[in-house]
């Protein structure tokens, strides 16, 4: 059974787009065919329920889902912008799950984006800021439109 689970990503014959429930924010997972890569777009942020209960999305939803799909690392993490409901769990995710590269939207960086860039530089994770250009990730062409 463990061998079958390990081989699961290699049996995909088409790409798949999955929207993960992260509350108010966004989180999209693109899994490419034949284990060519997995790309996560945004992470959502911490969801609070009242004064004391908080749901840490990276640990409770995103990473468990990735592992359940046989994904052992992300080819890329794309963060559309630095609002907390889109990028709030990025550092927590990267502390617990391998990420090859991070793609950020170009422009002025807010506090969260500056903190993220500092983390990426400390951990030596490759990152780039893009605006209105095409990027090839895992053999696929992505077009970025900066609307800031």
Protein backbone atom coordinates (compact mmCIF):
# COMPACT_ATOMS: atom_id res chain seq x y z
CA UNK A 1 0.00 0.00 0.00
CA UNK A 2 2.85 2.40 0.81
CA UNK A 3 4.47 1.73 -2.56
CA UNK A 4 1.21 2.53 -4.36
CA UNK A 5 0.90 5.82 -2.46
CA UNK A 6 4.50 6.69 -3.28
CA UNK A 7 3.92 6.03 -7.00
CA UNK A 8 0.63 7.98 -7.17
CA UNK A 9 2.12 11.21 -8.63
CA UNK A 10 3.71 9.29 -11.50
CA UNK A 11 0.35 7.96 -12.68
CA UNK A 12 -1.20 11.35 -13.49
CA UNK A 13 -1.92 11.59 -17.19
CA UNK A 14 -3.15 15.17 -17.17
CA UNK A 15 -2.65 18.35 -15.22
CA UNK A 16 -5.06 19.11 -12.40
CA UNK A 17 -6.16 22.35 -10.73
CA UNK A 18 -7.39 22.13 -7.14
CA UNK A 19 -8.83 24.98 -5.07
CA UNK A 20 -8.09 24.50 -1.38
CA UNK A 21 -10.45 25.91 1.24
CA UNK A 22 -8.41 28.42 3.22
CA UNK A 23 -11.22 30.66 4.44
CA UNK A 24 -11.21 34.20 3.14
CA UNK A 25 -8.06 34.00 0.99
CA UNK A 26 -7.01 31.98 -2.02
CA UNK A 27 -4.98 28.81 -2.47
CA UNK A 28 -4.74 26.98 -5.80
CA UNK A 29 -2.69 23.87 -6.47
CA UNK A 30 -1.60 22.95 -10.00
CA UNK A 31 -0.33 19.39 -10.28
CA UNK A 32 1.29 18.65 -13.61
CA UNK A 33 1.08 15.32 -15.41
CA UNK A 34 3.58 12.50 -14.85
CA UNK A 35 5.00 14.09 -11.69
CA UNK A 36 6.49 17.04 -13.61
CA UNK A 37 5.82 19.33 -10.69
CA UNK A 38 3.38 20.92 -8.30
CA UNK A 39 2.79 24.66 -8.16
CA UNK A 40 0.93 26.37 -5.33
CA UNK A 41 -0.62 29.79 -5.91
CA UNK A 42 -1.11 31.70 -2.65
CA UNK A 43 -1.43 30.22 0.84
CA UNK A 44 -4.18 32.05 2.64
CA UNK A 45 -3.55 33.28 6.18
CA UNK A 46 -4.36 32.31 9.73
CA UNK A 47 -8.12 32.07 10.23
CA UNK A 48 -9.34 33.19 13.67
CA UNK A 49 -12.43 31.85 15.37
CA UNK A 50 -13.14 34.14 18.27
CA UNK A 51 -10.55 35.29 20.78
CA UNK A 52 -8.60 32.08 21.34
CA UNK A 53 -9.08 29.52 18.57
CA UNK A 54 -6.91 29.95 15.46
CA UNK A 55 -6.59 27.68 12.46
CA UNK A 56 -3.05 27.53 11.08
CA UNK A 57 -3.75 26.66 7.46
CA UNK A 58 -0.29 25.47 6.41
CA UNK A 59 -0.20 22.80 9.12
CA UNK A 60 -3.88 21.86 9.20
CA UNK A 61 -4.95 22.01 5.55
CA UNK A 62 -2.28 22.72 2.94
CA UNK A 63 0.55 20.35 3.94
CA UNK A 64 -1.77 17.44 4.83
CA UNK A 65 -3.48 17.79 1.44
CA UNK A 66 -0.17 17.93 -0.44
CA UNK A 67 1.04 14.81 1.35
CA UNK A 68 -2.25 13.01 0.72
CA UNK A 69 -1.69 13.58 -3.01
CA UNK A 70 1.83 12.16 -2.86
CA UNK A 71 3.46 15.56 -3.35
CA UNK A 72 6.82 15.70 -1.55
CA UNK A 73 7.93 19.19 -2.64
CA UNK A 74 6.62 22.22 -4.51
CA UNK A 75 8.24 23.18 -7.79
CA UNK A 76 7.11 26.76 -7.17
CA UNK A 77 5.14 28.85 -4.74
CA UNK A 78 3.55 31.82 -6.50
CA UNK A 79 2.35 34.68 -4.29
CA UNK A 80 0.08 37.05 -6.17
CA UNK A 81 0.46 39.85 -3.64
CA UNK A 82 1.44 40.49 -0.05
CA UNK A 83 -1.96 40.73 1.60
CA UNK A 84 -2.19 38.43 4.59
CA UNK A 85 -5.13 36.45 3.20
CA UNK A 86 -2.99 35.48 0.18
CA UNK A 87 0.54 35.13 1.56
CA UNK A 88 0.09 34.89 5.34
CA UNK A 89 1.01 31.20 5.61
CA UNK A 90 3.95 31.25 3.16
CA UNK A 91 6.71 31.23 5.77
CA UNK A 92 4.99 28.56 7.88
CA UNK A 93 4.58 26.43 4.76
CA UNK A 94 8.25 26.75 3.76
CA UNK A 95 9.44 25.93 7.28
CA UNK A 96 7.71 22.53 7.06
CA UNK A 97 7.60 21.69 3.36
CA UNK A 98 10.31 21.94 0.65
CA UNK A 99 9.84 24.62 -2.03
CA UNK A 100 12.23 24.95 -4.99
CA UNK A 101 11.44 28.59 -5.79
CA UNK A 102 9.13 31.45 -4.91
CA UNK A 103 7.65 33.89 -7.40
CA UNK A 104 6.49 37.27 -6.10
CA UNK A 105 4.64 40.04 -7.83
CA UNK A 106 6.87 43.01 -8.68
CA UNK A 107 6.30 46.43 -7.20
CA UNK A 108 6.57 48.01 -3.79
CA UNK A 109 6.84 45.41 -1.05
CA UNK A 110 4.66 45.67 2.02
CA UNK A 111 5.76 44.52 5.50
CA UNK A 112 4.74 40.88 4.94
CA UNK A 113 6.57 40.72 1.59
CA UNK A 114 9.71 42.25 3.13
CA UNK A 115 9.60 39.67 5.93
CA UNK A 116 9.14 36.90 3.37
CA UNK A 117 12.07 38.09 1.24
CA UNK A 118 14.28 38.21 4.34
CA UNK A 119 13.24 34.62 5.18
CA UNK A 120 13.96 33.47 1.61
CA UNK A 121 17.41 35.05 1.64
CA UNK A 122 18.22 33.52 5.05
CA UNK A 123 17.13 30.04 3.92
CA UNK A 124 18.72 30.53 0.47
CA UNK A 125 15.52 29.74 -1.38
CA UNK A 126 15.55 31.07 -4.94
CA UNK A 127 12.97 33.80 -5.55
CA UNK A 128 12.15 36.32 -8.22
CA UNK A 129 9.77 39.22 -8.58
CA UNK A 130 7.95 39.30 -11.91
CA UNK A 131 5.73 41.71 -13.76
CA UNK A 132 4.12 41.34 -17.18
CA UNK A 133 6.33 38.55 -18.40
CA UNK A 134 6.28 34.90 -19.27
CA UNK A 135 8.00 32.35 -17.04
CA UNK A 136 8.57 28.69 -17.72
CA UNK A 137 7.95 26.49 -14.67
CA UNK A 138 8.20 22.71 -14.85
CA UNK A 139 8.05 22.83 -18.63
CA UNK A 140 4.88 24.96 -18.69
CA UNK A 141 4.61 28.60 -19.76
CA UNK A 142 2.93 30.96 -17.29
CA UNK A 143 2.04 34.54 -18.13
CA UNK A 144 2.07 37.08 -15.30
CA UNK A 145 0.09 40.29 -15.54
CA UNK A 146 0.95 42.87 -12.91
CA UNK A 147 -2.13 44.89 -12.14
CA UNK A 148 -0.75 46.78 -9.11
